[in-house]
Amino acid sequence: MRNLVFDAVLVLVATAMAVGAMLLVRRRAPHGSYFHDGDRAAGVFGVLATGFAVLLGFVVFLAFTSYDSARSGAETEALLVAQQVETAELFASPQREELMGQLVCYARSVVGVQWDRMEDGTLGEQRNPWAVEMFRTLRTVEPSTASEQSAYDLWLSQRQDRETARNDRVHGAVGVIPTPLWVVLFFTSGLIVLYMLFFADSGERATVQALLMGTVVSVLTSMLLLLNLLNNPFHDGVGGLQPVAMERSLQVIDEEVTDIGFDEALPCDDRGNALG
């Protein structure tokens, strides 16, 4: 809610500044605006606005695709973690207990430390440390029965799918809109606002001139804020992605391990940090 209020205030401030500039220019503007040929000016503005709209539509599609990929990746990763707990139950002791505990710690790390670092933009290429621990434990597994061999093969497949889903989630944290594209978007937006000032007309009512400029600037500002939200999907505000899926998987895992009588001490705290 906090980010939504901030964005709304930002739109209002930008719109108010643009309207103020329009009314200021209007005081000395000639009747009929600065353009002697209104049709020609409107045609040029149409080309400028169309080019911006096409570019904006492409960027919104790109950003939304990344946003949706991060969301679906987080959900798939959470589902696979819950499934791997069931797979781990088919292994023999002590690897069964070790893998189940490490899976719980993996999920806690995603919800806690890992998610905070994604929101801060500091995760980088760092792997989940519990994924490394699970791989080390898996290397000690020696399947001796058909069910253990089947579980071993299934685990490897689920591990690969989980890492792919995690990459989709992490990829959304770094943003997909490059800096040059942001520069072009802001430059084009500035040109549109500047061009709008030349439509200032002292012979037209101030409310009409304010509405003319205000609607354009409010739409431009809102769209740029929307792009920023889609390009940075991990935050606490409205529309931000939260670890809801992994939290739900943790609840499911807790129920499963309770049903099977798992009472081993976990090697991590509530946020997924290793103990000791």
Protein backbone atom coordinates (compact mmCIF):
# COMPACT_ATOMS: atom_id res chain seq x y z
CA MET A 1 0.00 0.00 0.00
CA ARG A 2 2.90 2.29 0.79
CA ASN A 3 4.33 2.06 -2.73
CA LEU A 4 0.90 2.63 -4.26
CA VAL A 5 0.48 5.86 -2.27
CA PHE A 6 3.97 6.99 -3.24
CA ASP A 7 3.29 6.30 -6.92
CA ALA A 8 -0.02 8.16 -6.75
CA VAL A 9 1.68 11.16 -5.17
CA LEU A 10 4.40 11.03 -7.83
CA VAL A 11 1.79 11.04 -10.61
CA LEU A 12 0.01 13.99 -9.00
CA VAL A 13 3.26 15.94 -8.57
CA ALA A 14 4.39 15.32 -12.14
CA THR A 15 0.96 16.25 -13.48
CA ALA A 16 0.79 19.40 -11.37
CA MET A 17 4.24 20.52 -12.54
CA ALA A 18 3.36 19.91 -16.19
CA VAL A 19 0.03 21.74 -15.85
CA GLY A 20 1.79 24.63 -14.15
CA ALA A 21 4.31 24.83 -16.99
CA MET A 22 1.48 24.75 -19.55
CA LEU A 23 -0.41 27.58 -17.86
CA LEU A 24 2.78 29.59 -17.53
CA VAL A 25 3.57 29.26 -21.24
CA ARG A 26 -0.07 30.00 -22.07
CA ARG A 27 0.22 33.54 -20.68
CA ARG A 28 2.43 34.63 -23.58
CA ALA A 29 1.18 32.19 -26.19
CA PRO A 30 -0.56 33.59 -29.26
CA HIS A 31 -4.16 32.83 -30.12
CA GLY A 32 -4.44 29.41 -31.75
CA SER A 33 -1.13 28.11 -30.22
CA TYR A 34 2.40 28.56 -31.52
CA PHE A 35 1.60 26.44 -34.58
CA HIS A 36 0.16 28.29 -37.57
CA ASP A 37 -0.83 25.00 -39.19
CA GLY A 38 -2.61 22.94 -36.55
CA ASP A 39 -3.20 19.96 -38.84
CA ARG A 40 0.49 19.65 -39.64
CA ALA A 41 1.42 19.95 -35.97
CA ALA A 42 -1.14 17.30 -35.04
CA GLY A 43 0.27 15.00 -37.72
CA VAL A 44 3.79 15.34 -36.33
CA PHE A 45 2.50 14.76 -32.80
CA GLY A 46 0.69 11.65 -34.04
CA VAL A 47 3.95 10.24 -35.41
CA LEU A 48 5.75 11.01 -32.15
CA ALA A 49 3.01 9.52 -29.99
CA THR A 50 2.64 6.44 -32.20
CA GLY A 51 6.35 5.70 -32.08
CA PHE A 52 6.34 6.03 -28.30
CA ALA A 53 3.24 3.83 -28.00
CA VAL A 54 4.78 1.07 -30.13
CA LEU A 55 8.00 1.13 -28.11
CA LEU A 56 6.10 1.24 -24.84
CA GLY A 57 3.90 -1.68 -25.83
CA PHE A 58 6.94 -3.79 -26.68
CA VAL A 59 8.66 -2.93 -23.39
CA VAL A 60 5.53 -3.61 -21.33
CA PHE A 61 5.20 -7.02 -22.98
CA LEU A 62 8.87 -7.78 -22.27
CA ALA A 63 8.62 -6.68 -18.64
CA PHE A 64 5.35 -8.51 -18.02
CA THR A 65 6.79 -11.70 -19.51
CA SER A 66 9.70 -11.50 -17.07
CA TYR A 67 7.32 -10.72 -14.20
CA ASP A 68 5.09 -13.69 -15.00
CA SER A 69 8.11 -15.96 -15.45
CA ALA A 70 9.40 -14.99 -12.00
CA ARG A 71 5.98 -15.61 -10.46
CA SER A 72 5.50 -19.01 -12.12
CA GLY A 73 9.10 -19.97 -11.33
CA ALA A 74 8.54 -19.27 -7.63
CA GLU A 75 5.37 -21.38 -7.62
CA THR A 76 6.98 -24.27 -9.50
CA GLU A 77 10.02 -24.24 -7.21
CA ALA A 78 7.78 -24.39 -4.14
CA LEU A 79 5.81 -27.30 -5.56
CA LEU A 80 8.94 -29.26 -6.40
CA VAL A 81 10.38 -28.77 -2.91
CA ALA A 82 7.24 -30.31 -1.42
CA GLN A 83 7.43 -33.18 -3.90
CA GLN A 84 11.09 -33.81 -3.10
CA VAL A 85 10.20 -34.27 0.55
CA GLU A 86 7.98 -37.18 -0.48
CA THR A 87 10.77 -38.56 -2.66
CA ALA A 88 13.25 -38.32 0.21
CA GLU A 89 11.01 -40.52 2.34
CA LEU A 90 11.88 -43.46 0.05
CA PHE A 91 15.60 -43.30 0.86
CA ALA A 92 17.24 -45.25 3.65
CA SER A 93 18.51 -43.70 6.87
CA PRO A 94 20.45 -41.57 7.61
CA GLN A 95 20.25 -39.88 4.19
CA ARG A 96 16.45 -39.75 4.40
CA GLU A 97 16.47 -37.59 7.53
CA GLU A 98 19.34 -35.43 6.28
CA LEU A 99 17.67 -34.69 2.95
CA MET A 100 14.31 -33.92 4.52
CA GLY A 101 15.87 -31.53 7.00
CA GLN A 102 17.89 -29.82 4.27
CA LEU A 103 14.77 -29.43 2.13
CA VAL A 104 13.00 -27.66 4.98
CA CYS A 105 16.03 -25.40 5.40
CA TYR A 106 16.06 -24.75 1.64
CA ALA A 107 12.45 -23.60 1.78
CA ARG A 108 13.09 -21.46 4.86
CA SER A 109 16.08 -19.87 3.14
CA VAL A 110 13.97 -18.97 0.10
CA VAL A 111 11.29 -17.37 2.29
CA GLY A 112 13.81 -15.64 4.54
CA VAL A 113 17.34 -14.73 3.53
CA GLN A 114 17.06 -15.36 -0.19
CA TRP A 115 13.86 -13.34 -0.64
CA ASP A 116 15.28 -10.38 1.29
CA ARG A 117 18.33 -10.35 -0.95
CA MET A 118 16.15 -10.44 -4.06
CA GLU A 119 14.21 -7.42 -2.81
CA ASP A 120 17.48 -5.62 -2.07
CA GLY A 121 18.98 -6.64 -5.42
CA THR A 122 21.99 -8.23 -3.70
CA LEU A 123 21.36 -11.91 -4.47
CA GLY A 124 23.44 -11.91 -7.65
CA GLU A 125 24.63 -15.35 -8.73
CA GLN A 126 24.69 -16.75 -5.21
CA ARG A 127 23.23 -20.24 -4.95
CA ASN A 128 21.01 -21.46 -2.19
CA PRO A 129 23.54 -23.04 0.23
CA TRP A 130 21.14 -25.85 1.09
CA ALA A 131 21.02 -26.95 -2.54
CA VAL A 132 24.76 -27.59 -2.28
CA GLU A 133 24.30 -29.48 0.99
CA MET A 134 21.59 -31.66 -0.54
CA PHE A 135 23.84 -32.55 -3.44
CA ARG A 136 26.61 -33.54 -1.06
CA THR A 137 24.21 -35.74 0.86
CA LEU A 138 22.86 -37.28 -2.32
CA ARG A 139 26.37 -38.35 -3.32
CA THR A 140 26.46 -40.61 -0.26
CA VAL A 141 23.27 -42.41 -1.28
CA GLU A 142 23.81 -45.96 -2.55
CA PRO A 143 20.46 -47.35 -3.78
CA SER A 144 20.10 -50.97 -2.75
CA THR A 145 16.49 -51.66 -3.74
CA ALA A 146 14.35 -51.00 -6.78
CA SER A 147 12.31 -48.37 -4.93
CA GLU A 148 15.45 -46.55 -3.79
CA GLN A 149 16.85 -46.59 -7.30
CA SER A 150 13.58 -45.21 -8.65
CA ALA A 151 13.57 -42.52 -5.95
CA TYR A 152 17.19 -41.65 -6.76
CA ASP A 153 16.41 -41.15 -10.45
CA LEU A 154 13.28 -39.16 -9.63
CA TRP A 155 15.21 -36.95 -7.22
CA LEU A 156 17.74 -36.03 -9.90
CA SER A 157 14.94 -35.10 -12.29
CA GLN A 158 13.17 -33.02 -9.64
CA ARG A 159 16.43 -31.34 -8.70
CA GLN A 160 17.00 -30.25 -12.28
CA ASP A 161 13.45 -28.91 -12.57
CA ARG A 162 13.80 -27.12 -9.24
CA GLU A 163 16.99 -25.38 -10.31
CA THR A 164 15.36 -24.32 -13.58
CA ALA A 165 12.39 -22.87 -11.68
CA ARG A 166 14.74 -21.09 -9.30
CA ASN A 167 16.61 -19.53 -12.22
CA ASP A 168 13.30 -18.21 -13.57
CA ARG A 169 12.54 -16.70 -10.19
CA VAL A 170 15.97 -15.15 -9.72
CA HIS A 171 16.07 -13.84 -13.29
CA GLY A 172 13.13 -11.57 -12.57
CA ALA A 173 14.98 -9.95 -9.65
CA VAL A 174 17.61 -8.30 -11.86
CA GLY A 175 15.19 -6.68 -14.31
CA VAL A 176 15.07 -7.10 -18.07
CA ILE A 177 14.86 -3.51 -19.28
CA PRO A 178 18.39 -2.26 -20.11
CA THR A 179 19.51 1.25 -19.23
CA PRO A 180 19.61 2.52 -22.86
CA LEU A 181 15.95 1.58 -23.23
CA TRP A 182 15.07 3.53 -20.09
CA VAL A 183 16.96 6.51 -21.50
CA VAL A 184 14.99 6.34 -24.75
CA LEU A 185 11.67 6.06 -22.90
CA PHE A 186 12.37 9.09 -20.70
CA PHE A 187 13.80 11.07 -23.62
CA THR A 188 10.72 10.39 -25.74
CA SER A 189 8.42 11.23 -22.85
CA GLY A 190 10.24 14.52 -22.40
CA LEU A 191 9.87 15.31 -26.10
CA ILE A 192 6.13 14.66 -25.94
CA VAL A 193 5.73 17.00 -22.95
CA LEU A 194 7.86 19.67 -24.66
CA TYR A 195 5.85 19.35 -27.85
CA MET A 196 2.64 19.69 -25.86
CA LEU A 197 3.80 23.08 -24.55
CA PHE A 198 3.71 24.48 -28.08
CA PHE A 199 -0.03 23.79 -28.13
CA ALA A 200 -0.45 26.48 -25.46
CA ASP A 201 -3.21 28.84 -26.58
CA SER A 202 -4.05 32.07 -24.78
CA GLY A 203 -7.41 32.13 -26.52
CA GLU A 204 -8.50 28.85 -24.93
CA ARG A 205 -9.74 28.46 -21.40
CA ALA A 206 -7.16 27.58 -18.75
CA THR A 207 -9.09 24.49 -17.64
CA VAL A 208 -9.01 23.09 -21.16
CA GLN A 209 -5.28 23.71 -21.45
CA ALA A 210 -4.69 22.14 -18.04
CA LEU A 211 -6.74 19.09 -19.02
CA LEU A 212 -4.83 18.80 -22.30
CA MET A 213 -1.45 18.66 -20.59
CA GLY A 214 -2.54 16.89 -17.41
CA THR A 215 -4.02 13.83 -19.10
CA VAL A 216 -0.95 13.28 -21.25
CA VAL A 217 1.55 13.62 -18.41
CA SER A 218 -0.48 11.51 -15.99
CA VAL A 219 -0.67 8.68 -18.54
CA LEU A 220 3.06 8.90 -19.33
CA THR A 221 4.02 8.89 -15.65
CA SER A 222 1.67 6.03 -14.80
CA MET A 223 3.03 3.87 -17.62
CA LEU A 224 6.65 4.48 -16.61
CA LEU A 225 5.81 3.58 -13.01
CA LEU A 226 4.08 0.43 -14.22
CA LEU A 227 7.20 -0.53 -16.16
CA ASN A 228 9.32 -0.02 -13.07
CA LEU A 229 7.00 -2.27 -11.06
CA LEU A 230 7.10 -5.05 -13.66
CA ASN A 231 10.87 -4.70 -14.02
CA ASN A 232 11.38 -4.98 -10.25
CA PRO A 233 8.71 -7.45 -9.13
CA PHE A 234 10.09 -8.29 -5.67
CA HIS A 235 8.92 -5.66 -3.19
CA ASP A 236 6.44 -5.19 -0.35
CA GLY A 237 4.07 -2.86 -2.20
CA VAL A 238 0.96 -3.57 -4.22
CA GLY A 239 1.71 -5.94 -7.09
CA GLY A 240 5.00 -7.11 -5.58
CA LEU A 241 5.78 -10.82 -5.54
CA GLN A 242 5.89 -12.46 -2.13
CA PRO A 243 7.01 -16.00 -1.12
CA VAL A 244 3.42 -17.13 -0.64
CA ALA A 245 3.87 -20.36 -2.60
CA MET A 246 6.96 -21.43 -0.63
CA GLU A 247 5.28 -20.53 2.67
CA ARG A 248 2.37 -22.74 1.66
CA SER A 249 4.79 -25.55 0.80
CA LEU A 250 6.41 -25.20 4.21
CA GLN A 251 3.02 -25.75 5.83
CA VAL A 252 2.46 -28.85 3.70
CA ILE A 253 5.94 -30.16 4.53
CA ASP A 254 5.37 -29.63 8.26
CA GLU A 255 2.20 -31.70 8.06
CA GLU A 256 3.96 -34.46 6.09
CA VAL A 257 6.96 -34.78 8.39
CA THR A 258 4.64 -34.79 11.40
CA ASP A 259 2.58 -37.60 9.92
CA ILE A 260 5.63 -39.79 9.35
CA GLY A 261 7.05 -39.07 12.80
CA PHE A 262 10.05 -37.01 11.68
CA ASP A 263 11.49 -35.44 14.82
CA GLU A 264 15.11 -34.76 13.83
CA ALA A 265 16.62 -31.42 14.80
CA LEU A 266 16.86 -29.11 11.81
CA PRO A 267 20.29 -27.74 10.88
CA CYS A 268 18.97 -24.17 10.39
CA ASP A 269 16.97 -21.43 12.07
CA ASP A 270 13.57 -20.09 11.00
CA ARG A 271 15.14 -17.93 8.25
CA GLY A 272 17.23 -20.70 6.74
CA ASN A 273 20.59 -19.72 8.27
CA ALA A 274 22.81 -22.66 9.13
CA LEU A 275 23.24 -23.37 12.84
CA GLY A 276 26.69 -23.65 14.25
